[in-house]
C-alpha atoms as a PDB file:
ATOM      1  CA  MET A   1      -0.040   0.135  -0.090  1.00  0.00           C
ATOM      2  CA  ASN A   2       1.271   3.561  -0.966  1.00  0.00           C
ATOM      3  CA  ASP A   3       2.239   5.368   2.319  1.00  0.00           C
ATOM      4  CA  ASP A   4       0.888   8.648   1.161  1.00  0.00           C
ATOM      5  CA  PHE A   5      -2.589   6.978   0.365  1.00  0.00           C
ATOM      6  CA  ALA A   6      -2.541   5.447   3.990  1.00  0.00           C
ATOM      7  CA  LYS A   7      -1.592   8.679   5.734  1.00  0.00           C
ATOM      8  CA  GLU A   8      -4.354  10.668   3.820  1.00  0.00           C
ATOM      9  CA  TYR A   9      -6.853   7.799   4.527  1.00  0.00           C
ATOM     10  CA  LEU A  10      -6.370   7.813   8.126  1.00  0.00           C
ATOM     11  CA  HIS A  11      -6.269  11.615   8.282  1.00  0.00           C
ATOM     12  CA  SER A  12      -9.475  11.911   6.555  1.00  0.00           C
ATOM     13  CA  ASP A  13     -11.346   9.697   8.563  1.00  0.00           C
ATOM     14  CA  LEU A  14      -9.921  11.735  11.684  1.00  0.00           C
ATOM     15  CA  ARG A  15     -10.883  14.948  10.368  1.00  0.00           C
ATOM     16  CA  GLU A  16     -14.479  13.378   9.891  1.00  0.00           C
ATOM     17  CA  ILE A  17     -14.847  12.134  13.629  1.00  0.00           C
ATOM     18  CA  ARG A  18     -13.610  15.248  14.922  1.00  0.00           C
ATOM     19  CA  GLN A  19     -16.594  17.266  13.172  1.00  0.00           C
ATOM     20  CA  THR A  20     -18.780  14.687  14.560  1.00  0.00           C
ATOM     21  CA  MET A  21     -17.653  15.271  18.192  1.00  0.00           C
ATOM     22  CA  LEU A  22     -18.455  18.792  17.541  1.00  0.00           C
ATOM     23  CA  ARG A  23     -21.971  18.465  16.075  1.00  0.00           C
ATOM     24  CA  LYS A  24     -22.773  16.494  19.318  1.00  0.00           C
ATOM     25  CA  LEU A  25     -23.207  20.084  21.099  1.00  0.00           C
ATOM     26  CA  ASP A  26     -25.158  21.954  18.611  1.00  0.00           C
ATOM     27  CA  GLY A  27     -28.612  22.961  19.829  1.00  0.00           C
ATOM     28  CA  LEU A  28     -27.905  22.222  23.496  1.00  0.00           C
ATOM     29  CA  SER A  29     -27.850  24.570  26.495  1.00  0.00           C
ATOM     30  CA  GLU A  30     -25.027  25.273  28.511  1.00  0.00           C
ATOM     31  CA  TYR A  31     -26.321  22.900  31.384  1.00  0.00           C
ATOM     32  CA  ALA A  32     -27.068  19.887  28.637  1.00  0.00           C
ATOM     33  CA  VAL A  33     -23.247  20.048  27.216  1.00  0.00           C
ATOM     34  CA  ARG A  34     -21.764  20.149  30.858  1.00  0.00           C
ATOM     35  CA  ARG A  35     -24.248  17.908  32.690  1.00  0.00           C
ATOM     36  CA  PRO A  36     -22.844  14.503  34.028  1.00  0.00           C
ATOM     37  CA  LEU A  37     -24.974  11.750  32.460  1.00  0.00           C
ATOM     38  CA  THR A  38     -23.062   8.621  33.839  1.00  0.00           C
ATOM     39  CA  SER A  39     -21.788   7.835  37.660  1.00  0.00           C
ATOM     40  CA  THR A  40     -18.475   8.625  36.494  1.00  0.00           C
ATOM     41  CA  GLY A  41     -19.354  12.279  35.290  1.00  0.00           C
ATOM     42  CA  THR A  42     -18.964  11.882  31.699  1.00  0.00           C
ATOM     43  CA  ASN A  43     -20.408  14.709  29.822  1.00  0.00           C
ATOM     44  CA  LEU A  44     -20.023  16.032  26.278  1.00  0.00           C
ATOM     45  CA  LEU A  45     -18.144  19.119  26.714  1.00  0.00           C
ATOM     46  CA  GLY A  46     -15.672  17.300  28.848  1.00  0.00           C
ATOM     47  CA  LEU A  47     -14.997  14.851  26.091  1.00  0.00           C
ATOM     48  CA  VAL A  48     -14.227  17.617  23.677  1.00  0.00           C
ATOM     49  CA  LYS A  49     -11.750  19.047  26.356  1.00  0.00           C
ATOM     50  CA  HIS A  50     -10.231  15.681  26.729  1.00  0.00           C
ATOM     51  CA  LEU A  51      -9.758  15.200  22.994  1.00  0.00           C
ATOM     52  CA  THR A  52      -8.028  18.748  22.949  1.00  0.00           C
ATOM     53  CA  VAL A  53      -5.268  17.048  25.217  1.00  0.00           C
ATOM     54  CA  ALA A  54      -5.034  14.230  23.478  1.00  0.00           C
ATOM     55  CA  GLU A  55      -4.702  16.047  20.005  1.00  0.00           C
ATOM     56  CA  ALA A  56      -1.810  18.364  21.427  1.00  0.00           C
ATOM     57  CA  ARG A  57      -0.079  15.680  23.215  1.00  0.00           C
ATOM     58  CA  TYR A  58       0.128  13.289  20.464  1.00  0.00           C
ATOM     59  CA  PHE A  59       0.795  15.243  17.495  1.00  0.00           C
ATOM     60  CA  GLY A  60       2.540  17.673  19.611  1.00  0.00           C
ATOM     61  CA  GLU A  61       5.522  16.797  22.096  1.00  0.00           C
ATOM     62  CA  VAL A  62       5.362  13.315  20.714  1.00  0.00           C
ATOM     63  CA  PHE A  63       7.060  14.431  17.645  1.00  0.00           C
ATOM     64  CA  GLY A  64       9.005  17.249  19.119  1.00  0.00           C
ATOM     65  CA  ARG A  65       6.358  19.753  17.871  1.00  0.00           C
ATOM     66  CA  PRO A  66       4.695  21.002  21.104  1.00  0.00           C
ATOM     67  CA  PHE A  67       1.386  22.656  20.951  1.00  0.00           C
ATOM     68  CA  PRO A  68       2.049  26.623  21.699  1.00  0.00           C
ATOM     69  CA  GLU A  69      -0.525  26.520  24.206  1.00  0.00           C
ATOM     70  CA  PRO A  70      -0.451  25.391  27.928  1.00  0.00           C
ATOM     71  CA  VAL A  71      -1.450  21.426  28.274  1.00  0.00           C
ATOM     72  CA  PRO A  72      -1.236  19.386  31.604  1.00  0.00           C
ATOM     73  CA  ARG A  73       1.999  17.121  31.708  1.00  0.00           C
ATOM     74  CA  TRP A  74       1.007  13.637  31.401  1.00  0.00           C
ATOM     75  CA  ASP A  75       2.565  12.826  34.391  1.00  0.00           C
ATOM     76  CA  ASP A  76       0.870  15.625  36.433  1.00  0.00           C
ATOM     77  CA  LEU A  77      -1.230  13.503  38.932  1.00  0.00           C
ATOM     78  CA  GLU A  78      -2.787  16.366  40.365  1.00  0.00           C
ATOM     79  CA  GLN A  79      -4.262  17.488  36.855  1.00  0.00           C
ATOM     80  CA  ARG A  80      -5.289  14.020  36.051  1.00  0.00           C
ATOM     81  CA  GLY A  81      -8.903  13.766  35.137  1.00  0.00           C
ATOM     82  CA  THR A  82      -9.304  17.702  35.213  1.00  0.00           C
ATOM     83  CA  ASP A  83      -9.585  17.405  31.190  1.00  0.00           C
ATOM     84  CA  LEU A  84     -12.841  15.482  31.475  1.00  0.00           C
ATOM     85  CA  TRP A  85     -15.258  18.359  32.632  1.00  0.00           C
ATOM     86  CA  ALA A  86     -15.406  22.074  32.055  1.00  0.00           C
ATOM     87  CA  THR A  87     -15.498  24.355  35.021  1.00  0.00           C
ATOM     88  CA  GLU A  88     -18.185  26.821  35.158  1.00  0.00           C
ATOM     89  CA  HIS A  89     -15.510  29.691  34.263  1.00  0.00           C
ATOM     90  CA  GLU A  90     -14.666  27.927  31.052  1.00  0.00           C
ATOM     91  CA  THR A  91     -17.077  28.987  28.141  1.00  0.00           C
ATOM     92  CA  ARG A  92     -18.115  26.335  25.732  1.00  0.00           C
ATOM     93  CA  GLU A  93     -16.800  28.679  22.965  1.00  0.00           C
ATOM     94  CA  GLU A  94     -13.089  28.755  24.760  1.00  0.00           C
ATOM     95  CA  ILE A  95     -13.134  24.809  24.906  1.00  0.00           C
ATOM     96  CA  THR A  96     -14.300  24.260  21.175  1.00  0.00           C
ATOM     97  CA  SER A  97     -12.016  26.827  19.751  1.00  0.00           C
ATOM     98  CA  ARG A  98      -9.190  25.492  21.710  1.00  0.00           C
ATOM     99  CA  TYR A  99      -9.994  21.949  20.195  1.00  0.00           C
ATOM    100  CA  GLN A 100     -10.024  23.382  16.838  1.00  0.00           C
ATOM    101  CA  ARG A 101      -6.797  24.839  17.344  1.00  0.00           C
ATOM    102  CA  ALA A 102      -5.274  21.646  18.522  1.00  0.00           C
ATOM    103  CA  CYS A 103      -6.606  20.071  15.571  1.00  0.00           C
ATOM    104  CA  GLU A 104      -4.918  22.601  13.289  1.00  0.00           C
ATOM    105  CA  HIS A 105      -1.580  21.837  14.873  1.00  0.00           C
ATOM    106  CA  SER A 106      -2.131  17.923  14.649  1.00  0.00           C
ATOM    107  CA  ASP A 107      -2.821  18.905  11.056  1.00  0.00           C
ATOM    108  CA  ALA A 108       0.218  20.401  10.563  1.00  0.00           C
ATOM    109  CA  THR A 109       2.259  17.684  12.224  1.00  0.00           C
ATOM    110  CA  ILE A 110       0.673  14.928   9.960  1.00  0.00           C
ATOM    111  CA  ALA A 111       1.135  17.214   6.765  1.00  0.00           C
ATOM    112  CA  ALA A 112       4.887  17.835   7.656  1.00  0.00           C
ATOM    113  CA  LEU A 113       5.728  14.075   8.451  1.00  0.00           C
ATOM    114  CA  ASP A 114       6.096  11.058   6.654  1.00  0.00           C
ATOM    115  CA  ILE A 115       4.068   8.266   7.880  1.00  0.00           C
ATOM    116  CA  ASP A 116       7.010   6.414   9.112  1.00  0.00           C
ATOM    117  CA  SER A 117       8.508   9.197  10.867  1.00  0.00           C
ATOM    118  CA  PRO A 118       9.603   8.250  14.712  1.00  0.00           C
ATOM    119  CA  GLY A 119       8.052   9.857  17.910  1.00  0.00           C
ATOM    120  CA  HIS A 120       8.322   8.966  21.544  1.00  0.00           C
ATOM    121  CA  VAL A 121       5.131   8.351  23.576  1.00  0.00           C
ATOM    122  CA  PRO A 122       6.868   8.342  27.265  1.00  0.00           C
ATOM    123  CA  TRP A 123       3.659   7.011  29.111  1.00  0.00           C
ATOM    124  CA  TRP A 124       3.311   4.043  26.702  1.00  0.00           C
ATOM    125  CA  PRO A 125       4.745   0.607  27.598  1.00  0.00           C
ATOM    126  CA  ARG A 126       6.662   0.762  24.349  1.00  0.00           C
ATOM    127  CA  PRO A 127       7.389   4.241  23.836  1.00  0.00           C
ATOM    128  CA  ASP A 128       8.994   4.515  20.484  1.00  0.00           C
ATOM    129  CA  VAL A 129       6.353   4.958  17.893  1.00  0.00           C
ATOM    130  CA  LEU A 130       5.597   6.070  14.154  1.00  0.00           C
ATOM    131  CA  LEU A 131       3.343   8.765  12.990  1.00  0.00           C
ATOM    132  CA  PHE A 132       1.265   5.605  11.476  1.00  0.00           C
ATOM    133  CA  ASN A 133       0.852   4.220  15.221  1.00  0.00           C
ATOM    134  CA  VAL A 134      -0.264   7.696  16.547  1.00  0.00           C
ATOM    135  CA  LEU A 135      -2.733   8.422  13.539  1.00  0.00           C
ATOM    136  CA  VAL A 136      -4.247   4.819  14.457  1.00  0.00           C
ATOM    137  CA  HIS A 137      -4.474   5.629  17.920  1.00  0.00           C
ATOM    138  CA  LEU A 138      -6.116   8.996  17.705  1.00  0.00           C
ATOM    139  CA  LEU A 139      -8.624   8.050  15.162  1.00  0.00           C
ATOM    140  CA  THR A 140      -9.471   5.058  17.382  1.00  0.00           C
ATOM    141  CA  GLU A 141      -9.272   7.306  20.587  1.00  0.00           C
ATOM    142  CA  THR A 142     -11.678  10.099  18.708  1.00  0.00           C
ATOM    143  CA  SER A 143     -14.159   7.244  17.446  1.00  0.00           C
ATOM    144  CA  ARG A 144     -14.429   5.780  20.809  1.00  0.00           C
ATOM    145  CA  HIS A 145     -15.566   9.042  22.507  1.00  0.00           C
ATOM    146  CA  ALA A 146     -17.885   9.974  19.398  1.00  0.00           C
ATOM    147  CA  GLY A 147     -19.626   6.753  20.380  1.00  0.00           C
ATOM    148  CA  HIS A 148     -19.947   7.822  23.822  1.00  0.00           C
ATOM    149  CA  ALA A 149     -21.132  11.221  22.542  1.00  0.00           C
ATOM    150  CA  ASP A 150     -23.715   9.389  20.270  1.00  0.00           C
ATOM    151  CA  ILE A 151     -25.321   7.668  23.441  1.00  0.00           C
ATOM    152  CA  LEU A 152     -24.911  10.864  25.754  1.00  0.00           C
ATOM    153  CA  ARG A 153     -26.747  13.211  23.071  1.00  0.00           C
ATOM    154  CA  GLU A 154     -29.585  10.444  22.519  1.00  0.00           C
ATOM    155  CA  GLN A 155     -30.022  10.549  26.391  1.00  0.00           C
ATOM    156  CA  LEU A 156     -30.254  14.007  26.229  1.00  0.00           C
ATOM    157  CA  ASP A 157     -32.908  14.952  23.708  1.00  0.00           C
ATOM    158  CA  GLY A 158     -33.114  11.845  21.210  1.00  0.00           C
ATOM    159  CA  VAL A 159     -30.938  13.116  18.678  1.00  0.00           C
ATOM    160  CA  VAL A 160     -28.911  10.435  16.712  1.00  0.00           C
ATOM    161  CA  GLU A 161     -26.209  11.227  14.051  1.00  0.00           C
ATOM    162  CA  MET A 162     -28.761  10.538  11.507  1.00  0.00           C
ATOM    163  CA  ASP A 163     -30.792  13.483  10.855  1.00  0.00           C
ATOM    164  CA  ALA A 164     -34.578  13.722  11.379  1.00  0.00           C
ATOM    165  CA  GLU A 165     -35.621  14.052   7.979  1.00  0.00           C
ATOM    166  CA  ALA A 166     -33.556  10.876   6.639  1.00  0.00           C
ATOM    167  CA  MET A 167     -35.041   9.032   9.614  1.00  0.00           C
ATOM    168  CA  ALA A 168     -38.553  10.070   8.576  1.00  0.00           C
ATOM    169  CA  LYS A 169     -37.961   8.713   5.043  1.00  0.00           C
ATOM    170  CA  ARG A 170     -37.472   5.482   6.524  1.00  0.00           C
ATOM    171  CA  GLY A 171     -40.392   5.628   8.824  1.00  0.00           C
ATOM    172  CA  GLN A 172     -38.073   5.962  11.945  1.00  0.00           C
ATOM    173  CA  ASP A 173     -39.994   8.481  13.976  1.00  0.00           C
ATOM    174  CA  ALA A 174     -40.539   8.433  17.821  1.00  0.00           C
ATOM    175  CA  ALA A 175     -43.127   5.775  17.458  1.00  0.00           C
ATOM    176  CA  PHE A 176     -40.858   3.735  15.600  1.00  0.00           C
ATOM    177  CA  TRP A 177     -38.184   3.998  18.074  1.00  0.00           C
ATOM    178  CA  GLU A 178     -40.457   3.688  21.168  1.00  0.00           C
ATOM    179  CA  ALA A 179     -41.720   0.270  19.509  1.00  0.00           C
ATOM    180  CA  ARG A 180     -38.198  -0.804  18.699  1.00  0.00           C
ATOM    181  CA  ARG A 181     -37.046  -0.060  22.381  1.00  0.00           C
ATOM    182  CA  ALA A 182     -40.112  -2.197  23.766  1.00  0.00           C
ATOM    183  CA  GLU A 183     -39.345  -4.971  21.494  1.00  0.00           C
ATOM    184  CA  ILE A 184     -35.903  -5.014  22.906  1.00  0.00           C
ATOM    185  CA  GLU A 185     -36.970  -4.630  26.256  1.00  0.00           C
ATOM    186  CA  ARG A 186     -39.090  -7.731  25.981  1.00  0.00           C
ATOM    187  CA  ALA A 187     -36.399  -9.818  24.381  1.00  0.00           C
ATOM    188  CA  ALA A 188     -34.123  -8.976  27.183  1.00  0.00           C
ATOM    189  CA  LYS A 189     -36.632  -9.968  29.781  1.00  0.00           C
ATOM    190  CA  ALA A 190     -37.666 -13.245  27.791  1.00  0.00           C
ATOM    191  CA  ALA A 191     -34.017 -14.405  27.836  1.00  0.00           C
ATOM    192  CA  ASP A 192     -33.282 -13.401  31.555  1.00  0.00           C
ATOM    193  CA  GLN A 193     -36.513 -15.540  32.538  1.00  0.00           C
ATOM    194  CA  ALA A 194     -35.285 -18.320  30.373  1.00  0.00           C
ATOM    195  CA  THR A 195     -31.914 -18.677  32.007  1.00  0.00           C
ATOM    196  CA  ALA A 196     -33.034 -17.840  35.656  1.00  0.00           C
ATOM    197  CA  GLY A 197     -31.156 -20.220  37.952  1.00  0.00           C
ATOM    198  CA  LYS A 198     -28.724 -21.378  35.441  1.00  0.00           C
ATOM    199  CA  PRO A 199     -24.952 -20.442  35.798  1.00  0.00           C
ATOM    200  CA  ALA A 200     -23.746 -17.602  34.151  1.00  0.00           C
END
């Protein structure tokens, strides 16, 4: 496989999933984008803030091209976890703009380097890496958090990635999804009853 093709393919997918992350905030109130929706506090704006740090570190210091804005050090235990939520003093605009700047910095690193350019990730067990490894890692990381964001957004207001018009054309309105959910719930209960008393 051609190295330039592989790099552009991965980079294109990364650019697309970044935009998906930002779209998950559209149309939501300040409370909704910050609201903790899991027992560990996972929230939409916090995911974007977390991915900003990931972009800045992996396409910055790993390749000797540090992001020009402050980023918590990877080994600063006091700062660990603070990138997963937004304080009341941080605006949505500040966080999303910083994410976009970090992505632009990443894009410049990706454009400047060959796919087999070496980097060093001191917090990995095998720290010596190539740009290829980091591209795959960030694409995986961002896709994983985009999946989290899909579920969080659906919990908040029922919005899914496919737009309402496209779903309506398929007959997938609110009544469709309520019936689908009821069907899945019925199957889950039936399976539970069928296996009651059996070892897991």
